[in-house]
């Protein structure tokens, strides 16, 4: 399991005006000392960062942000949305990071298979930056 784990409240991130704000929040959570929030993002992102409970988690957020040029914004948005559907207790107890495909309701699995950030099988969705 990775030590580079951030926790966040996905409901609060969804309320931000755009995905750019959500990325600013993830960037700040990844490295708060080196990623100061811009004046544009500061107020709204700070509200999202302080929201509880923080039941969602992301491993290797720095790698996700550093390599995001490989993926479209839509791919990134889907990645973060699907991350939020995982069971954090299963991660804590068993180290499980995959999402069962049955929890990807509302998404077309054929389209998910084209997402560069995901590896989709019949039973699970694996996240590129969280694979062991």
Foldseek 3Di string as FASTA:
>chain_A
DAPQKFFFDVVLLVPDPDVVLVLLLLVCRRPVVPRPDDPVNPPSSVVRRPDDDRQFMDHPSVVCVVPVVVFDVVLVVLLRVQSRQDGSVCCVVPVDRKDFVVSVPPDDVVVNCVRPQWHDDNTTIDGNSSDD
